[in-house]
N, C-alpha and C. Protein backbone atom coordinates (compact mmCIF):
# COMPACT_ATOMS: atom_id res chain seq x y z
N UNK A 1 44.76 -2.83 -118.72
CA UNK A 1 43.90 -2.57 -117.57
C UNK A 1 44.70 -1.83 -116.50
N UNK A 2 44.25 -0.66 -116.12
CA UNK A 2 44.94 0.14 -115.12
C UNK A 2 44.37 -0.17 -113.74
N UNK A 3 45.24 -0.45 -112.81
CA UNK A 3 44.82 -0.79 -111.45
C UNK A 3 45.12 0.39 -110.55
N UNK A 4 44.13 0.83 -109.81
CA UNK A 4 44.35 1.89 -108.83
C UNK A 4 45.17 1.33 -107.69
N UNK A 5 45.76 2.22 -106.88
CA UNK A 5 46.62 1.79 -105.79
C UNK A 5 45.90 0.92 -104.77
N UNK A 6 46.63 -0.02 -104.21
CA UNK A 6 46.06 -0.90 -103.18
C UNK A 6 45.83 -0.10 -101.91
N UNK A 7 44.76 -0.44 -101.23
CA UNK A 7 44.42 0.28 -100.01
C UNK A 7 44.30 -0.68 -98.85
N UNK A 8 44.55 -0.14 -97.66
CA UNK A 8 44.39 -0.94 -96.44
C UNK A 8 42.90 -1.03 -96.10
N UNK A 9 42.59 -1.68 -94.98
CA UNK A 9 41.20 -1.86 -94.57
C UNK A 9 40.49 -0.53 -94.34
N UNK A 10 41.23 0.44 -93.87
CA UNK A 10 40.63 1.74 -93.54
C UNK A 10 40.59 2.69 -94.74
N UNK A 11 41.08 2.27 -95.89
CA UNK A 11 41.01 3.09 -97.08
C UNK A 11 42.25 3.90 -97.36
N UNK A 12 43.23 3.89 -96.47
CA UNK A 12 44.46 4.64 -96.70
C UNK A 12 45.36 3.86 -97.66
N UNK A 13 46.10 4.56 -98.53
CA UNK A 13 46.97 3.84 -99.45
C UNK A 13 48.07 3.10 -98.70
N UNK A 14 48.38 1.90 -99.18
CA UNK A 14 49.41 1.09 -98.53
C UNK A 14 50.79 1.61 -98.94
N UNK A 15 51.75 1.50 -98.04
CA UNK A 15 53.11 1.95 -98.31
C UNK A 15 53.91 0.80 -98.90
N UNK A 16 54.81 1.15 -99.79
CA UNK A 16 55.73 0.16 -100.35
C UNK A 16 56.95 0.08 -99.46
N UNK A 17 57.45 -1.12 -99.28
CA UNK A 17 58.68 -1.29 -98.49
C UNK A 17 59.87 -0.89 -99.37
N UNK A 18 61.02 -0.59 -98.76
CA UNK A 18 62.20 -0.25 -99.56
C UNK A 18 62.60 -1.37 -100.53
N UNK A 19 62.36 -2.63 -100.15
CA UNK A 19 62.68 -3.75 -101.04
C UNK A 19 61.78 -3.72 -102.28
N UNK A 20 60.48 -3.45 -102.06
CA UNK A 20 59.56 -3.37 -103.19
C UNK A 20 59.93 -2.21 -104.11
N UNK A 21 60.35 -1.10 -103.53
CA UNK A 21 60.75 0.06 -104.32
C UNK A 21 61.96 -0.26 -105.19
N UNK A 22 62.94 -0.96 -104.62
CA UNK A 22 64.12 -1.32 -105.41
C UNK A 22 63.76 -2.33 -106.49
N UNK A 23 62.82 -3.24 -106.21
CA UNK A 23 62.36 -4.18 -107.23
C UNK A 23 61.70 -3.45 -108.40
N UNK A 24 60.95 -2.42 -108.09
CA UNK A 24 60.31 -1.62 -109.15
C UNK A 24 61.38 -0.99 -110.03
N UNK A 25 62.41 -0.41 -109.40
CA UNK A 25 63.48 0.23 -110.17
C UNK A 25 64.24 -0.79 -111.02
N UNK A 26 64.50 -1.97 -110.46
CA UNK A 26 65.21 -3.02 -111.22
C UNK A 26 64.37 -3.50 -112.40
N UNK A 27 63.06 -3.61 -112.20
CA UNK A 27 62.17 -4.03 -113.28
C UNK A 27 62.17 -3.00 -114.41
N UNK A 28 62.19 -1.73 -114.05
CA UNK A 28 62.25 -0.67 -115.08
C UNK A 28 63.58 -0.70 -115.81
N UNK A 29 64.67 -1.04 -115.09
CA UNK A 29 65.99 -1.14 -115.74
C UNK A 29 66.00 -2.26 -116.77
N UNK A 30 65.17 -3.29 -116.55
CA UNK A 30 65.09 -4.42 -117.49
C UNK A 30 64.06 -4.16 -118.58
N UNK A 31 63.58 -2.92 -118.68
CA UNK A 31 62.63 -2.48 -119.72
C UNK A 31 61.29 -3.22 -119.67
N UNK A 32 60.84 -3.56 -118.48
CA UNK A 32 59.50 -4.11 -118.32
C UNK A 32 58.52 -2.94 -118.34
N UNK A 33 57.39 -3.12 -118.99
CA UNK A 33 56.42 -2.04 -119.16
C UNK A 33 55.92 -1.54 -117.81
N UNK A 34 55.71 -0.24 -117.76
CA UNK A 34 55.23 0.41 -116.54
C UNK A 34 53.87 -0.13 -116.14
N UNK A 35 53.00 -0.33 -117.12
CA UNK A 35 51.65 -0.82 -116.81
C UNK A 35 51.69 -2.22 -116.20
N UNK A 36 52.62 -3.05 -116.67
CA UNK A 36 52.74 -4.41 -116.14
C UNK A 36 53.24 -4.38 -114.69
N UNK A 37 54.25 -3.54 -114.42
CA UNK A 37 54.78 -3.41 -113.05
C UNK A 37 53.69 -2.90 -112.11
N UNK A 38 52.94 -1.90 -112.57
CA UNK A 38 51.86 -1.34 -111.75
C UNK A 38 50.81 -2.39 -111.44
N UNK A 39 50.50 -3.22 -112.42
CA UNK A 39 49.50 -4.27 -112.23
C UNK A 39 49.99 -5.32 -111.23
N UNK A 40 51.26 -5.71 -111.33
CA UNK A 40 51.82 -6.74 -110.43
C UNK A 40 51.83 -6.25 -108.99
N UNK A 41 52.27 -5.01 -108.77
CA UNK A 41 52.38 -4.48 -107.41
C UNK A 41 51.07 -3.89 -106.90
N UNK A 42 50.10 -3.69 -107.78
CA UNK A 42 48.82 -3.11 -107.36
C UNK A 42 48.93 -1.64 -107.03
N UNK A 43 49.74 -0.93 -107.81
CA UNK A 43 49.95 0.51 -107.59
C UNK A 43 49.70 1.25 -108.89
N UNK A 44 49.71 2.56 -108.84
CA UNK A 44 49.47 3.35 -110.04
C UNK A 44 50.75 3.46 -110.87
N UNK A 45 50.58 3.80 -112.14
CA UNK A 45 51.73 3.96 -113.02
C UNK A 45 52.58 5.16 -112.59
N UNK A 46 51.94 6.16 -112.02
CA UNK A 46 52.68 7.33 -111.51
C UNK A 46 53.63 6.93 -110.40
N UNK A 47 53.19 6.03 -109.53
CA UNK A 47 54.05 5.56 -108.44
C UNK A 47 55.23 4.78 -108.98
N UNK A 48 54.99 3.97 -110.01
CA UNK A 48 56.08 3.22 -110.64
C UNK A 48 57.11 4.18 -111.22
N UNK A 49 56.65 5.22 -111.91
CA UNK A 49 57.57 6.22 -112.49
C UNK A 49 58.35 6.93 -111.40
N UNK A 50 57.65 7.27 -110.31
CA UNK A 50 58.30 7.99 -109.22
C UNK A 50 59.44 7.18 -108.62
N UNK A 51 59.18 5.91 -108.28
CA UNK A 51 60.20 5.10 -107.62
C UNK A 51 61.28 4.63 -108.58
N UNK A 52 60.99 4.55 -109.86
CA UNK A 52 62.04 4.14 -110.80
C UNK A 52 63.03 5.28 -111.05
N UNK A 53 62.60 6.53 -110.85
CA UNK A 53 63.49 7.69 -111.04
C UNK A 53 64.39 7.94 -109.84
N UNK A 54 63.96 7.54 -108.66
CA UNK A 54 64.71 7.85 -107.45
C UNK A 54 65.96 7.00 -107.32
N UNK A 55 66.96 7.59 -106.68
CA UNK A 55 68.23 6.89 -106.46
C UNK A 55 68.24 6.10 -105.16
N UNK A 56 67.52 6.57 -104.17
CA UNK A 56 67.46 5.84 -102.91
C UNK A 56 66.00 5.53 -102.62
N UNK A 57 65.78 4.45 -101.88
CA UNK A 57 64.43 3.95 -101.74
C UNK A 57 63.90 4.00 -100.31
N UNK A 58 64.59 4.73 -99.44
CA UNK A 58 64.12 4.87 -98.07
C UNK A 58 63.21 6.08 -97.98
N UNK A 59 62.36 6.11 -96.97
CA UNK A 59 61.46 7.24 -96.77
C UNK A 59 62.26 8.47 -96.35
N UNK A 60 61.75 9.63 -96.72
CA UNK A 60 62.36 10.88 -96.26
C UNK A 60 62.05 11.06 -94.78
N UNK A 61 62.93 11.76 -94.09
CA UNK A 61 62.75 11.98 -92.66
C UNK A 61 61.52 12.84 -92.40
N UNK A 62 60.77 12.49 -91.38
CA UNK A 62 59.60 13.27 -90.99
C UNK A 62 59.87 14.09 -89.74
N UNK A 63 61.11 14.09 -89.30
CA UNK A 63 61.49 14.82 -88.11
C UNK A 63 61.39 16.32 -88.38
N UNK A 64 60.89 17.06 -87.42
CA UNK A 64 60.77 18.50 -87.60
C UNK A 64 62.15 19.15 -87.56
N UNK A 65 62.28 20.22 -88.32
CA UNK A 65 63.56 20.91 -88.41
C UNK A 65 63.68 21.92 -87.27
N UNK A 66 64.92 22.19 -86.89
CA UNK A 66 65.17 23.15 -85.83
C UNK A 66 64.89 24.55 -86.37
N UNK A 67 64.21 25.35 -85.59
CA UNK A 67 63.83 26.68 -86.01
C UNK A 67 65.03 27.62 -86.02
N UNK A 68 65.07 28.53 -87.01
CA UNK A 68 66.12 29.53 -87.07
C UNK A 68 65.86 30.67 -86.09
N UNK A 69 64.62 30.77 -85.63
CA UNK A 69 64.23 31.87 -84.76
C UNK A 69 64.54 31.48 -83.32
N UNK A 70 65.68 31.97 -82.84
CA UNK A 70 66.05 31.72 -81.44
C UNK A 70 65.38 32.77 -80.56
N UNK A 71 65.54 32.64 -79.27
CA UNK A 71 64.94 33.59 -78.34
C UNK A 71 65.53 34.99 -78.53
N UNK A 72 66.85 35.06 -78.78
CA UNK A 72 67.49 36.37 -79.00
C UNK A 72 66.94 37.05 -80.25
N UNK A 73 66.76 36.26 -81.32
CA UNK A 73 66.24 36.82 -82.57
C UNK A 73 64.79 37.27 -82.37
N UNK A 74 64.02 36.48 -81.65
CA UNK A 74 62.62 36.84 -81.39
C UNK A 74 62.53 38.14 -80.59
N UNK A 75 63.39 38.29 -79.59
CA UNK A 75 63.40 39.53 -78.81
C UNK A 75 63.84 40.71 -79.65
N UNK A 76 64.79 40.49 -80.56
CA UNK A 76 65.24 41.56 -81.46
C UNK A 76 64.10 42.00 -82.37
N UNK A 77 63.36 41.05 -82.91
CA UNK A 77 62.22 41.37 -83.78
C UNK A 77 61.19 42.19 -83.01
N UNK A 78 60.89 41.77 -81.79
CA UNK A 78 59.90 42.48 -80.99
C UNK A 78 60.36 43.88 -80.60
N UNK A 79 61.65 44.03 -80.29
CA UNK A 79 62.14 45.36 -79.91
C UNK A 79 62.18 46.30 -81.11
N UNK A 80 62.55 45.79 -82.28
CA UNK A 80 62.54 46.63 -83.49
C UNK A 80 61.11 47.06 -83.80
N UNK A 81 60.17 46.13 -83.68
CA UNK A 81 58.77 46.45 -83.97
C UNK A 81 58.23 47.48 -82.99
N UNK A 82 58.56 47.32 -81.70
CA UNK A 82 58.03 48.22 -80.68
C UNK A 82 58.64 49.62 -80.80
N UNK A 83 59.94 49.68 -81.10
CA UNK A 83 60.62 50.98 -81.11
C UNK A 83 60.36 51.76 -82.40
N UNK A 84 60.43 51.09 -83.55
CA UNK A 84 60.31 51.80 -84.82
C UNK A 84 58.97 51.60 -85.52
N UNK A 85 58.17 50.64 -85.07
CA UNK A 85 56.90 50.28 -85.69
C UNK A 85 57.07 49.93 -87.17
N UNK A 86 58.15 49.20 -87.47
CA UNK A 86 58.42 48.75 -88.83
C UNK A 86 57.58 47.53 -89.16
N UNK A 87 57.36 47.32 -90.45
CA UNK A 87 56.69 46.12 -90.93
C UNK A 87 57.68 44.99 -91.13
N UNK A 88 57.20 43.89 -91.67
CA UNK A 88 58.04 42.70 -91.80
C UNK A 88 59.21 42.91 -92.76
N UNK A 89 58.99 43.64 -93.86
CA UNK A 89 60.07 43.85 -94.84
C UNK A 89 61.21 44.66 -94.23
N UNK A 90 60.88 45.72 -93.51
CA UNK A 90 61.93 46.54 -92.89
C UNK A 90 62.61 45.80 -91.75
N UNK A 91 61.85 45.03 -90.99
CA UNK A 91 62.46 44.24 -89.92
C UNK A 91 63.41 43.22 -90.52
N UNK A 92 63.03 42.63 -91.65
CA UNK A 92 63.89 41.67 -92.34
C UNK A 92 65.21 42.32 -92.73
N UNK A 93 65.16 43.51 -93.30
CA UNK A 93 66.38 44.22 -93.66
C UNK A 93 67.16 44.64 -92.42
N UNK A 94 66.45 45.01 -91.36
CA UNK A 94 67.10 45.40 -90.12
C UNK A 94 67.85 44.26 -89.46
N UNK A 95 67.34 43.05 -89.58
CA UNK A 95 68.03 41.89 -89.01
C UNK A 95 69.30 41.56 -89.78
N UNK A 96 69.32 41.89 -91.06
CA UNK A 96 70.52 41.64 -91.87
C UNK A 96 71.57 42.70 -91.57
N UNK A 97 71.18 43.97 -91.62
CA UNK A 97 72.12 45.06 -91.38
C UNK A 97 71.35 46.25 -90.82
N UNK A 98 71.40 46.42 -89.53
CA UNK A 98 70.67 47.49 -88.86
C UNK A 98 71.38 48.82 -89.05
N UNK A 99 70.67 49.90 -89.41
CA UNK A 99 71.30 51.21 -89.56
C UNK A 99 71.90 51.71 -88.24
N UNK A 100 72.84 52.63 -88.33
CA UNK A 100 73.56 53.13 -87.15
C UNK A 100 72.62 53.78 -86.13
N UNK A 101 71.67 54.59 -86.62
CA UNK A 101 70.76 55.25 -85.68
C UNK A 101 69.92 54.22 -84.92
N UNK A 102 69.61 53.10 -85.56
CA UNK A 102 68.83 52.06 -84.89
C UNK A 102 69.68 51.31 -83.88
N UNK A 103 70.97 51.13 -84.19
CA UNK A 103 71.88 50.45 -83.25
C UNK A 103 72.03 51.27 -81.97
N UNK A 104 72.06 52.58 -82.13
CA UNK A 104 72.18 53.46 -80.96
C UNK A 104 70.92 53.40 -80.10
N UNK A 105 69.77 53.29 -80.73
CA UNK A 105 68.50 53.27 -80.00
C UNK A 105 68.25 51.93 -79.31
N UNK A 106 68.69 50.86 -79.94
CA UNK A 106 68.45 49.52 -79.39
C UNK A 106 69.77 48.90 -78.95
N UNK A 107 69.80 48.37 -77.74
CA UNK A 107 71.04 47.80 -77.23
C UNK A 107 71.19 46.32 -77.61
N UNK A 108 70.19 45.53 -77.37
CA UNK A 108 70.32 44.08 -77.56
C UNK A 108 69.70 43.64 -78.88
N UNK A 109 70.42 43.85 -79.96
CA UNK A 109 69.95 43.40 -81.27
C UNK A 109 70.96 42.44 -81.86
N UNK A 110 70.50 41.63 -82.78
CA UNK A 110 71.37 40.69 -83.48
C UNK A 110 71.52 41.17 -84.92
N UNK A 111 72.62 40.76 -85.55
CA UNK A 111 72.84 41.14 -86.94
C UNK A 111 73.17 39.93 -87.78
N UNK A 112 73.09 40.11 -89.09
CA UNK A 112 73.36 39.06 -90.07
C UNK A 112 72.47 37.83 -89.87
N UNK A 113 71.22 38.07 -89.55
CA UNK A 113 70.25 36.98 -89.43
C UNK A 113 69.34 37.07 -90.65
N UNK A 114 69.31 36.02 -91.45
CA UNK A 114 68.49 36.00 -92.66
C UNK A 114 67.24 35.18 -92.40
N UNK A 115 66.12 35.87 -92.24
CA UNK A 115 64.82 35.23 -92.02
C UNK A 115 63.86 35.67 -93.12
N UNK A 116 62.90 34.83 -93.41
CA UNK A 116 61.87 35.20 -94.38
C UNK A 116 60.86 36.13 -93.70
N UNK A 117 60.13 36.85 -94.54
CA UNK A 117 59.10 37.73 -94.00
C UNK A 117 58.01 36.90 -93.31
N UNK A 118 57.80 35.69 -93.79
CA UNK A 118 56.80 34.81 -93.19
C UNK A 118 57.20 34.43 -91.77
N UNK A 119 58.48 34.15 -91.56
CA UNK A 119 58.96 33.79 -90.23
C UNK A 119 58.83 34.98 -89.27
N UNK A 120 59.17 36.16 -89.77
CA UNK A 120 59.06 37.37 -88.95
C UNK A 120 57.59 37.63 -88.61
N UNK A 121 56.72 37.45 -89.60
CA UNK A 121 55.29 37.65 -89.37
C UNK A 121 54.75 36.63 -88.37
N UNK A 122 55.29 35.41 -88.39
CA UNK A 122 54.85 34.38 -87.43
C UNK A 122 55.20 34.79 -86.00
N UNK A 123 56.38 35.40 -85.82
CA UNK A 123 56.77 35.88 -84.49
C UNK A 123 55.84 37.00 -84.05
N UNK A 124 55.57 37.93 -84.96
CA UNK A 124 54.68 39.04 -84.62
C UNK A 124 53.26 38.54 -84.33
N UNK A 125 52.83 37.56 -85.08
CA UNK A 125 51.49 36.99 -84.88
C UNK A 125 51.40 36.27 -83.54
N UNK A 126 52.49 35.60 -83.17
CA UNK A 126 52.54 34.88 -81.89
C UNK A 126 52.33 35.85 -80.72
N UNK A 127 52.87 37.06 -80.86
CA UNK A 127 52.75 38.07 -79.80
C UNK A 127 51.65 39.09 -80.09
N UNK A 128 50.81 38.78 -81.10
CA UNK A 128 49.67 39.63 -81.47
C UNK A 128 50.09 41.06 -81.80
N UNK A 129 51.16 41.18 -82.58
CA UNK A 129 51.65 42.50 -82.97
C UNK A 129 51.59 42.74 -84.47
N UNK A 130 51.03 41.81 -85.23
CA UNK A 130 50.99 42.01 -86.67
C UNK A 130 49.65 42.60 -87.08
N UNK A 131 49.60 43.10 -88.29
CA UNK A 131 48.37 43.69 -88.81
C UNK A 131 48.26 45.16 -88.46
N UNK A 132 47.29 45.78 -89.06
CA UNK A 132 47.08 47.20 -88.83
C UNK A 132 46.27 47.41 -87.57
N UNK A 133 46.57 48.51 -86.91
CA UNK A 133 45.79 48.88 -85.73
C UNK A 133 44.69 49.82 -86.19
N UNK A 134 43.48 49.33 -86.21
CA UNK A 134 42.35 50.14 -86.67
C UNK A 134 41.98 51.16 -85.61
N UNK A 135 41.93 52.40 -86.04
CA UNK A 135 41.52 53.46 -85.13
C UNK A 135 40.07 53.82 -85.47
N UNK A 136 39.19 52.88 -85.25
CA UNK A 136 37.79 53.11 -85.58
C UNK A 136 37.10 53.83 -84.43
N UNK A 137 36.25 54.73 -84.80
CA UNK A 137 35.48 55.44 -83.79
C UNK A 137 34.31 54.57 -83.36
N UNK A 138 34.01 54.63 -82.10
CA UNK A 138 32.87 53.87 -81.61
C UNK A 138 31.59 54.53 -82.10
N UNK A 139 30.61 53.70 -82.33
CA UNK A 139 29.35 54.20 -82.84
C UNK A 139 28.63 55.00 -81.78
N UNK A 140 28.19 56.18 -82.16
CA UNK A 140 27.51 57.06 -81.22
C UNK A 140 26.00 56.92 -81.43
N UNK A 141 25.31 56.52 -80.38
CA UNK A 141 23.87 56.32 -80.47
C UNK A 141 23.18 57.68 -80.49
N UNK A 142 22.22 57.79 -81.39
CA UNK A 142 21.49 59.04 -81.49
C UNK A 142 20.01 58.73 -81.68
N UNK A 143 19.17 59.38 -80.90
CA UNK A 143 17.72 59.21 -81.01
C UNK A 143 17.11 60.59 -81.22
N UNK A 144 16.27 60.69 -82.22
CA UNK A 144 15.62 61.97 -82.50
C UNK A 144 14.49 62.20 -81.50
N UNK A 145 14.45 63.40 -80.96
CA UNK A 145 13.37 63.72 -80.01
C UNK A 145 12.18 64.34 -80.73
N UNK A 146 12.40 64.91 -81.92
CA UNK A 146 11.31 65.46 -82.72
C UNK A 146 11.58 65.17 -84.19
N UNK A 147 10.63 65.32 -85.06
CA UNK A 147 10.81 64.99 -86.48
C UNK A 147 11.94 65.80 -87.13
N UNK A 148 12.58 65.17 -88.10
CA UNK A 148 13.65 65.78 -88.91
C UNK A 148 14.86 66.17 -88.08
N UNK A 149 15.10 65.49 -86.98
CA UNK A 149 16.24 65.80 -86.13
C UNK A 149 17.36 64.76 -86.27
N UNK A 150 17.24 63.83 -87.20
CA UNK A 150 18.24 62.79 -87.35
C UNK A 150 19.51 63.26 -88.06
N UNK A 151 19.57 64.51 -88.41
CA UNK A 151 20.77 65.04 -89.06
C UNK A 151 21.75 65.49 -87.99
N UNK A 152 22.89 64.91 -88.02
CA UNK A 152 23.87 65.24 -86.98
C UNK A 152 24.88 66.23 -87.48
C-alpha cells in the first residue's frame, strides 16, 4: 500500500526534521524496504530515496545570492549599449575584452567581467533599452470624397 505524503491542515506538504531525515537514511542502511519506511513516516517512496542518497540532512540555504552586476558594471553595460548600439552577445564579449577602438571611445568601462546574456538583458530591460526599436509609420487616415478614390 503506497501512502501519499502527509499534509498539514492547509494542504501543504509537511517538512521532515533533520532527525527524521537521518533516521530514514539509517533505515535504508539497514536494508529496510523503501515502501515500509515511506509507510511509517507517511511520505512518498521518492522522498525516502531522496533523503537516503543525501550526505547531509539540513535544509539548503534560502538566502538570496549577491548579484555579480555592480553599479560600475551596470553603467558600463549602459554606456556600451548607448554608444555602439550592441546587442547582449556583443556586450557580453565587450565586458570580457573590449576592443581598442571601444576603449578610446568610452572612458569608464570595466574589463574581465563574465556575465551571462540573461544578466545583461536584465540590466537593459530594467532601463527599458532591450528589444528592437520599431520604426512603424503612423496610420494615415484617408476618406474618399468621390467614388473609386480610395487608391492612394
